[in-house]
Amino acid sequence: MKIYLNSDSNLSLNPIQAEDQPILYALMDEIYREAYRYVWTDQGDWYVNLIYNQHTLYKELKRATSNYFFVEAGERKIGILKYDFPFSPKEIAIPEAMKLHRLYLHSDFQGKGVAKILVDHCERIGQENGLKSIWLEVMSCQPQAKKFYQKMGFGHLLSYQLDFERIIPEYRGIEIWQKSLV
């Protein structure tokens, strides 16, 4: 069932279904590569193929903790939002938490308040479900994303290195950020 995010806009979340995989793949092939192609030796081919293939999508949709949506402006798919709860990172225990797993928007919709609406939605869901915090991973080489999450009240918790061989070594840094919901 489609979730309308506010009354004064046409912004909504539409649950991703297994049969949507070709649409998801095409959307993220464009959005992800535009933002991250420079960190990969193969322009992001391996990652896009791994994360948005049919098998991975089916596996993610089967998880009871997973909530996966297209972000839509009217009828146009402008990005994705995925959150999982309860979910704690393996690197550090964060009990009773939600992982803001994926928030990607087409560049035409960045800087227009859409991401804030999506994070606010996640916070509301977390609070309604009695969670204590939200956490996310952000690449160290993405200062714009880090600035946004800091503005939204998230703080740096832990840094580590991704071990994906196809990421150019200088871009392997990733950070866990957290925001309290209590």
N, C-alpha and C. Protein backbone atom coordinates (compact mmCIF):
# COMPACT_ATOMS: atom_id res chain seq x y z
N MET A 1 0.83 -1.18 0.00
CA MET A 1 0.00 0.00 0.00
C MET A 1 0.88 1.25 0.00
N LYS A 2 0.60 2.15 -0.88
CA LYS A 2 1.35 3.39 -1.01
C LYS A 2 1.19 4.24 0.25
N ILE A 3 2.29 4.86 0.68
CA ILE A 3 2.30 5.74 1.85
C ILE A 3 2.52 7.16 1.36
N TYR A 4 1.56 8.04 1.64
CA TYR A 4 1.71 9.44 1.27
C TYR A 4 2.40 10.17 2.41
N LEU A 5 3.48 10.90 2.10
CA LEU A 5 4.34 11.44 3.13
C LEU A 5 3.91 12.79 3.68
N ASN A 6 3.22 13.58 2.90
CA ASN A 6 2.67 14.83 3.42
C ASN A 6 1.54 15.30 2.51
N SER A 7 0.69 16.10 3.08
CA SER A 7 -0.53 16.49 2.36
C SER A 7 -0.29 17.55 1.29
N ASP A 8 0.79 18.32 1.43
CA ASP A 8 1.00 19.42 0.49
C ASP A 8 1.95 19.07 -0.66
N SER A 9 2.31 17.81 -0.77
CA SER A 9 3.14 17.41 -1.91
C SER A 9 2.63 16.08 -2.47
N ASN A 10 3.18 15.71 -3.56
CA ASN A 10 2.79 14.44 -4.17
C ASN A 10 3.85 13.37 -3.89
N LEU A 11 4.58 13.52 -2.79
CA LEU A 11 5.64 12.59 -2.42
C LEU A 11 5.07 11.37 -1.71
N SER A 12 5.47 10.18 -2.17
CA SER A 12 4.95 8.96 -1.57
C SER A 12 6.01 7.86 -1.59
N LEU A 13 5.74 6.83 -0.78
CA LEU A 13 6.54 5.61 -0.76
C LEU A 13 5.68 4.49 -1.30
N ASN A 14 6.20 3.77 -2.26
CA ASN A 14 5.48 2.67 -2.88
C ASN A 14 6.29 1.40 -2.64
N PRO A 15 5.76 0.43 -1.89
CA PRO A 15 6.54 -0.78 -1.58
C PRO A 15 7.05 -1.46 -2.84
N ILE A 16 8.32 -1.83 -2.80
CA ILE A 16 8.93 -2.56 -3.90
C ILE A 16 8.51 -4.02 -3.81
N GLN A 17 8.10 -4.58 -4.93
CA GLN A 17 7.70 -5.98 -5.03
C GLN A 17 8.76 -6.73 -5.86
N ALA A 18 8.76 -8.04 -5.74
CA ALA A 18 9.74 -8.85 -6.48
C ALA A 18 9.70 -8.58 -7.98
N GLU A 19 8.51 -8.40 -8.51
CA GLU A 19 8.39 -8.18 -9.96
C GLU A 19 8.89 -6.80 -10.40
N ASP A 20 9.21 -5.93 -9.44
CA ASP A 20 9.74 -4.60 -9.74
C ASP A 20 11.25 -4.59 -9.97
N GLN A 21 11.89 -5.74 -9.87
CA GLN A 21 13.35 -5.79 -9.95
C GLN A 21 13.92 -5.11 -11.20
N PRO A 22 13.38 -5.31 -12.40
CA PRO A 22 13.96 -4.60 -13.56
C PRO A 22 13.86 -3.07 -13.43
N ILE A 23 12.77 -2.59 -12.87
CA ILE A 23 12.59 -1.15 -12.68
C ILE A 23 13.56 -0.64 -11.63
N LEU A 24 13.69 -1.37 -10.52
CA LEU A 24 14.64 -1.01 -9.47
C LEU A 24 16.06 -0.98 -10.02
N TYR A 25 16.42 -2.00 -10.76
CA TYR A 25 17.76 -2.07 -11.32
C TYR A 25 18.04 -0.87 -12.23
N ALA A 26 17.14 -0.58 -13.13
CA ALA A 26 17.35 0.53 -14.06
C ALA A 26 17.45 1.87 -13.32
N LEU A 27 16.59 2.06 -12.33
CA LEU A 27 16.62 3.30 -11.55
C LEU A 27 17.95 3.45 -10.82
N MET A 28 18.38 2.39 -10.14
CA MET A 28 19.61 2.49 -9.35
C MET A 28 20.85 2.45 -10.21
N ASP A 29 20.77 1.85 -11.38
CA ASP A 29 21.89 1.91 -12.32
C ASP A 29 22.19 3.37 -12.65
N GLU A 30 21.15 4.16 -12.79
CA GLU A 30 21.33 5.59 -13.07
C GLU A 30 21.72 6.36 -11.82
N ILE A 31 20.94 6.24 -10.75
CA ILE A 31 21.16 7.06 -9.55
C ILE A 31 22.47 6.72 -8.86
N TYR A 32 22.71 5.44 -8.61
CA TYR A 32 23.91 5.05 -7.87
C TYR A 32 25.17 5.42 -8.65
N ARG A 33 25.19 5.09 -9.91
CA ARG A 33 26.40 5.37 -10.70
C ARG A 33 26.70 6.87 -10.79
N GLU A 34 25.67 7.68 -10.90
CA GLU A 34 25.89 9.12 -10.98
C GLU A 34 26.62 9.62 -9.73
N ALA A 35 26.24 9.09 -8.58
CA ALA A 35 26.81 9.56 -7.32
C ALA A 35 28.12 8.89 -6.94
N TYR A 36 28.31 7.63 -7.33
CA TYR A 36 29.42 6.86 -6.79
C TYR A 36 30.37 6.24 -7.82
N ARG A 37 30.19 6.48 -9.08
CA ARG A 37 31.04 5.80 -10.08
C ARG A 37 32.51 6.07 -9.85
N TYR A 38 32.85 7.24 -9.31
CA TYR A 38 34.26 7.60 -9.13
C TYR A 38 34.97 6.77 -8.06
N VAL A 39 34.23 6.07 -7.19
CA VAL A 39 34.89 5.29 -6.13
C VAL A 39 35.24 3.88 -6.59
N TRP A 40 34.74 3.47 -7.73
CA TRP A 40 34.89 2.08 -8.20
C TRP A 40 35.84 1.98 -9.38
N THR A 41 36.61 0.92 -9.43
CA THR A 41 37.49 0.67 -10.58
C THR A 41 36.68 0.29 -11.81
N ASP A 42 35.46 -0.23 -11.60
CA ASP A 42 34.60 -0.65 -12.72
C ASP A 42 33.38 0.24 -12.90
N GLN A 43 33.45 1.46 -12.39
CA GLN A 43 32.35 2.44 -12.47
C GLN A 43 31.10 2.02 -11.68
N GLY A 44 31.23 1.02 -10.82
CA GLY A 44 30.11 0.55 -10.01
C GLY A 44 29.38 -0.65 -10.57
N ASP A 45 29.85 -1.21 -11.67
CA ASP A 45 29.17 -2.37 -12.28
C ASP A 45 28.94 -3.50 -11.28
N TRP A 46 30.00 -3.92 -10.62
CA TRP A 46 29.92 -5.06 -9.69
C TRP A 46 28.89 -4.78 -8.60
N TYR A 47 28.93 -3.60 -7.99
CA TYR A 47 28.05 -3.28 -6.87
C TYR A 47 26.59 -3.22 -7.32
N VAL A 48 26.30 -2.50 -8.38
CA VAL A 48 24.92 -2.40 -8.86
C VAL A 48 24.39 -3.78 -9.21
N ASN A 49 25.20 -4.60 -9.86
CA ASN A 49 24.77 -5.95 -10.21
C ASN A 49 24.55 -6.81 -8.98
N LEU A 50 25.37 -6.65 -7.95
CA LEU A 50 25.23 -7.43 -6.72
C LEU A 50 24.00 -7.02 -5.92
N ILE A 51 23.80 -5.75 -5.70
CA ILE A 51 22.76 -5.26 -4.79
C ILE A 51 21.38 -5.24 -5.43
N TYR A 52 21.28 -5.02 -6.72
CA TYR A 52 19.97 -4.84 -7.34
C TYR A 52 19.58 -5.99 -8.27
N ASN A 53 20.25 -7.13 -8.15
CA ASN A 53 19.86 -8.28 -8.96
C ASN A 53 18.64 -8.96 -8.36
N GLN A 54 18.06 -9.87 -9.12
CA GLN A 54 16.81 -10.53 -8.71
C GLN A 54 16.99 -11.33 -7.42
N HIS A 55 18.06 -12.08 -7.30
CA HIS A 55 18.29 -12.91 -6.11
C HIS A 55 18.39 -12.05 -4.84
N THR A 56 19.19 -10.99 -4.89
CA THR A 56 19.36 -10.12 -3.72
C THR A 56 18.05 -9.46 -3.34
N LEU A 57 17.31 -8.97 -4.32
CA LEU A 57 16.02 -8.34 -4.01
C LEU A 57 15.08 -9.33 -3.35
N TYR A 58 14.96 -10.54 -3.88
CA TYR A 58 14.07 -11.54 -3.29
C TYR A 58 14.47 -11.82 -1.84
N LYS A 59 15.77 -11.95 -1.60
CA LYS A 59 16.28 -12.23 -0.26
C LYS A 59 15.94 -11.08 0.70
N GLU A 60 16.11 -9.84 0.24
CA GLU A 60 15.82 -8.68 1.09
C GLU A 60 14.32 -8.55 1.36
N LEU A 61 13.50 -8.85 0.37
CA LEU A 61 12.05 -8.73 0.57
C LEU A 61 11.50 -9.80 1.51
N LYS A 62 12.18 -10.93 1.62
CA LYS A 62 11.72 -12.01 2.49
C LYS A 62 12.01 -11.73 3.97
N ARG A 63 12.93 -10.84 4.26
CA ARG A 63 13.27 -10.54 5.65
C ARG A 63 12.13 -9.77 6.31
N ALA A 64 11.70 -10.26 7.44
CA ALA A 64 10.60 -9.61 8.17
C ALA A 64 11.00 -8.22 8.66
N THR A 65 12.29 -7.98 8.83
CA THR A 65 12.76 -6.69 9.36
C THR A 65 12.89 -5.63 8.27
N SER A 66 12.74 -6.01 7.01
CA SER A 66 13.04 -5.14 5.88
C SER A 66 11.81 -4.37 5.39
N ASN A 67 12.01 -3.09 5.13
CA ASN A 67 10.98 -2.21 4.55
C ASN A 67 11.64 -1.49 3.38
N TYR A 68 11.15 -1.75 2.16
CA TYR A 68 11.84 -1.33 0.96
C TYR A 68 10.85 -0.64 0.03
N PHE A 69 11.15 0.59 -0.37
CA PHE A 69 10.20 1.41 -1.12
C PHE A 69 10.85 2.14 -2.28
N PHE A 70 10.06 2.36 -3.32
CA PHE A 70 10.37 3.40 -4.29
C PHE A 70 9.91 4.72 -3.68
N VAL A 71 10.69 5.76 -3.85
CA VAL A 71 10.26 7.11 -3.52
C VAL A 71 9.69 7.68 -4.80
N GLU A 72 8.45 8.17 -4.73
CA GLU A 72 7.79 8.68 -5.92
C GLU A 72 7.35 10.12 -5.73
N ALA A 73 7.51 10.90 -6.78
CA ALA A 73 6.96 12.25 -6.86
C ALA A 73 5.90 12.16 -7.96
N GLY A 74 4.64 12.16 -7.54
CA GLY A 74 3.58 11.86 -8.49
C GLY A 74 3.73 10.42 -8.93
N GLU A 75 3.81 10.20 -10.22
CA GLU A 75 3.99 8.85 -10.74
C GLU A 75 5.45 8.54 -11.06
N ARG A 76 6.34 9.52 -10.91
CA ARG A 76 7.75 9.33 -11.25
C ARG A 76 8.52 8.72 -10.07
N LYS A 77 9.24 7.66 -10.34
CA LYS A 77 10.11 7.04 -9.35
C LYS A 77 11.39 7.87 -9.31
N ILE A 78 11.66 8.48 -8.14
CA ILE A 78 12.79 9.40 -8.01
C ILE A 78 13.89 8.87 -7.10
N GLY A 79 13.69 7.69 -6.53
CA GLY A 79 14.71 7.13 -5.65
C GLY A 79 14.18 5.93 -4.90
N ILE A 80 14.96 5.54 -3.88
CA ILE A 80 14.55 4.42 -3.04
C ILE A 80 14.82 4.76 -1.57
N LEU A 81 14.05 4.09 -0.71
CA LEU A 81 14.25 4.16 0.73
C LEU A 81 14.13 2.73 1.26
N LYS A 82 15.11 2.32 2.05
CA LYS A 82 15.06 1.01 2.69
C LYS A 82 15.49 1.18 4.13
N TYR A 83 14.68 0.65 5.04
CA TYR A 83 15.07 0.63 6.44
C TYR A 83 14.73 -0.73 7.02
N ASP A 84 15.51 -1.12 8.03
CA ASP A 84 15.37 -2.43 8.66
C ASP A 84 15.31 -2.24 10.17
N PHE A 85 14.39 -2.93 10.83
CA PHE A 85 14.36 -2.90 12.29
C PHE A 85 13.66 -4.13 12.84
N PRO A 86 14.05 -4.57 14.04
CA PRO A 86 15.25 -4.10 14.76
C PRO A 86 16.49 -4.61 14.05
N PHE A 87 17.54 -3.82 14.10
CA PHE A 87 18.76 -4.16 13.36
C PHE A 87 19.93 -3.44 14.00
N SER A 88 21.00 -4.18 14.28
CA SER A 88 22.21 -3.62 14.87
C SER A 88 23.39 -3.95 13.97
N PRO A 89 24.35 -3.05 13.85
CA PRO A 89 25.52 -3.37 13.02
C PRO A 89 26.38 -4.44 13.69
N LYS A 90 27.14 -5.17 12.87
CA LYS A 90 28.02 -6.19 13.43
C LYS A 90 29.26 -5.56 14.07
N GLU A 91 29.60 -4.34 13.68
CA GLU A 91 30.82 -3.69 14.17
C GLU A 91 30.69 -3.15 15.59
N ILE A 92 29.46 -2.81 16.00
CA ILE A 92 29.22 -2.24 17.32
C ILE A 92 27.75 -2.46 17.67
N ALA A 93 27.47 -2.82 18.90
CA ALA A 93 26.08 -3.09 19.29
C ALA A 93 25.30 -1.79 19.44
N ILE A 94 24.18 -1.74 18.74
CA ILE A 94 23.22 -0.64 18.88
C ILE A 94 21.86 -1.30 19.08
N PRO A 95 21.48 -1.56 20.34
CA PRO A 95 20.23 -2.27 20.60
C PRO A 95 19.00 -1.42 20.30
N GLU A 96 17.90 -2.12 20.01
CA GLU A 96 16.61 -1.48 19.77
C GLU A 96 16.73 -0.33 18.77
N ALA A 97 17.30 -0.66 17.61
CA ALA A 97 17.60 0.36 16.62
C ALA A 97 17.06 0.00 15.24
N MET A 98 16.94 1.03 14.42
CA MET A 98 16.59 0.92 13.01
C MET A 98 17.83 1.25 12.20
N LYS A 99 18.08 0.48 11.15
CA LYS A 99 19.11 0.86 10.20
C LYS A 99 18.45 1.57 9.03
N LEU A 100 18.84 2.80 8.81
CA LEU A 100 18.46 3.51 7.59
C LEU A 100 19.43 2.98 6.53
N HIS A 101 18.98 1.97 5.81
CA HIS A 101 19.86 1.16 4.97
C HIS A 101 20.17 1.81 3.63
N ARG A 102 19.15 2.31 2.98
CA ARG A 102 19.37 2.95 1.68
C ARG A 102 18.44 4.15 1.53
N LEU A 103 19.05 5.26 1.19
CA LEU A 103 18.29 6.46 0.85
C LEU A 103 19.02 7.07 -0.33
N TYR A 104 18.49 6.86 -1.50
CA TYR A 104 19.07 7.39 -2.73
C TYR A 104 18.00 8.16 -3.48
N LEU A 105 18.38 9.34 -3.95
CA LEU A 105 17.47 10.18 -4.73
C LEU A 105 18.14 10.59 -6.03
N HIS A 106 17.33 10.70 -7.06
CA HIS A 106 17.81 11.24 -8.33
C HIS A 106 18.32 12.65 -8.07
N SER A 107 19.38 13.04 -8.77
CA SER A 107 19.99 14.36 -8.55
C SER A 107 19.01 15.51 -8.77
N ASP A 108 17.98 15.32 -9.60
CA ASP A 108 16.98 16.37 -9.82
C ASP A 108 16.20 16.69 -8.54
N PHE A 109 16.21 15.77 -7.56
CA PHE A 109 15.41 15.94 -6.36
C PHE A 109 16.26 16.12 -5.10
N GLN A 110 17.55 16.29 -5.27
CA GLN A 110 18.42 16.55 -4.13
C GLN A 110 18.40 18.03 -3.81
N GLY A 111 18.53 18.36 -2.52
CA GLY A 111 18.54 19.75 -2.10
C GLY A 111 17.16 20.40 -2.09
N LYS A 112 16.10 19.62 -2.15
CA LYS A 112 14.73 20.15 -2.20
C LYS A 112 13.90 19.73 -0.98
N GLY A 113 14.56 19.16 0.03
CA GLY A 113 13.84 18.77 1.24
C GLY A 113 13.27 17.36 1.23
N VAL A 114 13.44 16.63 0.14
CA VAL A 114 12.88 15.28 0.04
C VAL A 114 13.56 14.35 1.04
N ALA A 115 14.88 14.39 1.11
CA ALA A 115 15.61 13.50 2.02
C ALA A 115 15.21 13.76 3.47
N LYS A 116 14.99 15.01 3.82
CA LYS A 116 14.56 15.34 5.19
C LYS A 116 13.20 14.70 5.48
N ILE A 117 12.29 14.78 4.54
CA ILE A 117 10.97 14.15 4.71
C ILE A 117 11.12 12.64 4.92
N LEU A 118 12.05 12.02 4.18
CA LEU A 118 12.26 10.58 4.29
C LEU A 118 12.88 10.21 5.65
N VAL A 119 13.85 10.99 6.10
CA VAL A 119 14.45 10.73 7.41
C VAL A 119 13.40 10.96 8.50
N ASP A 120 12.61 12.01 8.38
CA ASP A 120 11.54 12.24 9.36
C ASP A 120 10.57 11.06 9.40
N HIS A 121 10.25 10.51 8.25
CA HIS A 121 9.38 9.32 8.18
C HIS A 121 10.01 8.16 8.95
N CYS A 122 11.30 7.92 8.72
CA CYS A 122 11.99 6.83 9.43
C CYS A 122 11.97 7.06 10.94
N GLU A 123 12.19 8.29 11.36
CA GLU A 123 12.16 8.60 12.80
C GLU A 123 10.78 8.31 13.37
N ARG A 124 9.75 8.71 12.66
CA ARG A 124 8.38 8.48 13.11
C ARG A 124 8.10 6.97 13.25
N ILE A 125 8.51 6.20 12.25
CA ILE A 125 8.33 4.74 12.30
C ILE A 125 9.10 4.15 13.48
N GLY A 126 10.32 4.61 13.67
CA GLY A 126 11.13 4.13 14.79
C GLY A 126 10.48 4.42 16.13
N GLN A 127 9.99 5.63 16.30
CA GLN A 127 9.33 6.01 17.56
C GLN A 127 8.05 5.21 17.76
N GLU A 128 7.26 5.04 16.71
CA GLU A 128 6.02 4.27 16.81
C GLU A 128 6.28 2.81 17.19
N ASN A 129 7.47 2.32 16.89
CA ASN A 129 7.82 0.94 17.19
C ASN A 129 8.72 0.81 18.43
N GLY A 130 8.82 1.88 19.20
CA GLY A 130 9.55 1.84 20.46
C GLY A 130 11.05 1.69 20.32
N LEU A 131 11.61 2.07 19.19
CA LEU A 131 13.05 1.96 19.00
C LEU A 131 13.76 3.13 19.68
N LYS A 132 15.00 2.91 20.05
CA LYS A 132 15.77 3.93 20.77
C LYS A 132 16.64 4.79 19.87
N SER A 133 16.98 4.27 18.68
CA SER A 133 17.84 5.05 17.79
C SER A 133 17.74 4.57 16.35
N ILE A 134 18.27 5.42 15.47
CA ILE A 134 18.45 5.09 14.06
C ILE A 134 19.94 5.19 13.78
N TRP A 135 20.43 4.27 12.97
CA TRP A 135 21.83 4.35 12.56
C TRP A 135 21.92 4.13 11.06
N LEU A 136 23.04 4.53 10.50
CA LEU A 136 23.27 4.41 9.07
C LEU A 136 24.77 4.33 8.82
N GLU A 137 25.10 3.93 7.61
CA GLU A 137 26.48 3.96 7.17
C GLU A 137 26.59 5.00 6.06
N VAL A 138 27.65 5.79 6.13
CA VAL A 138 27.89 6.81 5.12
C VAL A 138 29.36 6.71 4.72
N MET A 139 29.62 6.83 3.43
CA MET A 139 31.00 6.75 2.96
C MET A 139 31.75 8.01 3.37
N SER A 140 32.96 7.83 3.84
CA SER A 140 33.79 8.95 4.30
C SER A 140 34.03 9.97 3.19
N CYS A 141 34.00 9.52 1.95
CA CYS A 141 34.28 10.40 0.80
C CYS A 141 33.03 11.16 0.32
N GLN A 142 31.96 11.13 1.10
CA GLN A 142 30.72 11.81 0.71
C GLN A 142 30.41 12.95 1.68
N PRO A 143 31.15 14.07 1.59
CA PRO A 143 30.95 15.17 2.55
C PRO A 143 29.54 15.76 2.51
N GLN A 144 28.90 15.77 1.35
CA GLN A 144 27.54 16.32 1.26
C GLN A 144 26.57 15.47 2.07
N ALA A 145 26.69 14.16 1.97
CA ALA A 145 25.82 13.26 2.74
C ALA A 145 26.09 13.41 4.23
N LYS A 146 27.36 13.48 4.62
CA LYS A 146 27.70 13.62 6.04
C LYS A 146 27.17 14.93 6.60
N LYS A 147 27.27 15.99 5.83
CA LYS A 147 26.75 17.29 6.27
C LYS A 147 25.23 17.22 6.46
N PHE A 148 24.54 16.56 5.54
CA PHE A 148 23.09 16.41 5.66
C PHE A 148 22.73 15.63 6.92
N TYR A 149 23.37 14.48 7.14
CA TYR A 149 23.02 13.66 8.31
C TYR A 149 23.36 14.38 9.61
N GLN A 150 24.44 15.13 9.61
CA GLN A 150 24.77 15.92 10.81
C GLN A 150 23.67 16.95 11.08
N LYS A 151 23.21 17.60 10.04
CA LYS A 151 22.12 18.59 10.15
C LYS A 151 20.84 17.93 10.67
N MET A 152 20.65 16.65 10.35
CA MET A 152 19.46 15.91 10.79
C MET A 152 19.62 15.35 12.20
N GLY A 153 20.76 15.61 12.84
CA GLY A 153 20.94 15.19 14.23
C GLY A 153 21.70 13.90 14.43
N PHE A 154 22.26 13.35 13.37
CA PHE A 154 23.08 12.14 13.48
C PHE A 154 24.50 12.54 13.88
N GLY A 155 25.17 11.64 14.58
CA GLY A 155 26.55 11.87 14.95
C GLY A 155 27.41 10.66 14.64
N HIS A 156 28.67 10.93 14.38
CA HIS A 156 29.64 9.87 14.06
C HIS A 156 29.84 8.97 15.26
N LEU A 157 29.84 7.67 15.00
CA LEU A 157 30.00 6.68 16.06
C LEU A 157 31.26 5.84 15.86
N LEU A 158 31.52 5.44 14.61
CA LEU A 158 32.61 4.50 14.34
C LEU A 158 33.02 4.59 12.88
N SER A 159 34.31 4.43 12.61
CA SER A 159 34.82 4.39 11.23
C SER A 159 35.49 3.05 10.98
N TYR A 160 35.38 2.55 9.76
CA TYR A 160 36.08 1.34 9.37
C TYR A 160 36.29 1.36 7.86
N GLN A 161 36.95 0.33 7.34
CA GLN A 161 37.26 0.25 5.92
C GLN A 161 36.45 -0.87 5.27
N LEU A 162 35.86 -0.58 4.13
CA LEU A 162 35.20 -1.61 3.33
C LEU A 162 36.27 -2.48 2.68
N ASP A 163 35.97 -3.74 2.53
CA ASP A 163 36.96 -4.64 1.93
C ASP A 163 36.62 -5.02 0.48
N PHE A 164 35.80 -4.22 -0.17
CA PHE A 164 35.47 -4.48 -1.56
C PHE A 164 36.68 -4.15 -2.44
N GLU A 165 37.21 -5.16 -3.11
CA GLU A 165 38.41 -4.97 -3.91
C GLU A 165 38.22 -3.98 -5.05
N ARG A 166 37.01 -3.85 -5.54
CA ARG A 166 36.78 -2.96 -6.69
C ARG A 166 36.63 -1.50 -6.30
N ILE A 167 36.57 -1.22 -4.99
CA ILE A 167 36.58 0.19 -4.57
C ILE A 167 38.03 0.66 -4.58
N ILE A 168 38.26 1.81 -5.15
CA ILE A 168 39.60 2.40 -5.14
C ILE A 168 40.00 2.59 -3.67
N PRO A 169 41.20 2.12 -3.28
CA PRO A 169 41.58 2.10 -1.86
C PRO A 169 41.34 3.40 -1.09
N GLU A 170 41.59 4.54 -1.69
CA GLU A 170 41.42 5.80 -0.96
C GLU A 170 39.96 6.12 -0.64
N TYR A 171 39.01 5.37 -1.23
CA TYR A 171 37.59 5.62 -1.00
C TYR A 171 36.91 4.52 -0.18
N ARG A 172 37.66 3.66 0.46
CA ARG A 172 37.09 2.53 1.20
C ARG A 172 36.58 2.89 2.59
N GLY A 173 36.82 4.10 3.04
CA GLY A 173 36.37 4.49 4.37
C GLY A 173 34.86 4.60 4.47
N ILE A 174 34.32 4.06 5.54
CA ILE A 174 32.88 4.14 5.79
C ILE A 174 32.69 4.42 7.27
N GLU A 175 31.61 5.13 7.58
CA GLU A 175 31.35 5.55 8.94
C GLU A 175 29.95 5.15 9.36
N ILE A 176 29.83 4.75 10.61
CA ILE A 176 28.52 4.50 11.21
C ILE A 176 28.13 5.75 11.98
N TRP A 177 26.94 6.25 11.69
CA TRP A 177 26.38 7.42 12.38
C TRP A 177 25.10 7.00 13.07
N GLN A 178 24.76 7.67 14.15
CA GLN A 178 23.59 7.29 14.95
C GLN A 178 22.86 8.55 15.42
N LYS A 179 21.55 8.38 15.57
CA LYS A 179 20.70 9.43 16.14
C LYS A 179 19.77 8.80 17.15
N SER A 180 19.68 9.43 18.30
CA SER A 180 18.79 8.95 19.36
C SER A 180 17.35 9.32 19.04
N LEU A 181 16.43 8.43 19.37
CA LEU A 181 15.00 8.69 19.19
C LEU A 181 14.30 8.90 20.53
N VAL A 182 15.04 8.87 21.62
CA VAL A 182 14.42 9.04 22.96
C VAL A 182 14.83 10.36 23.58
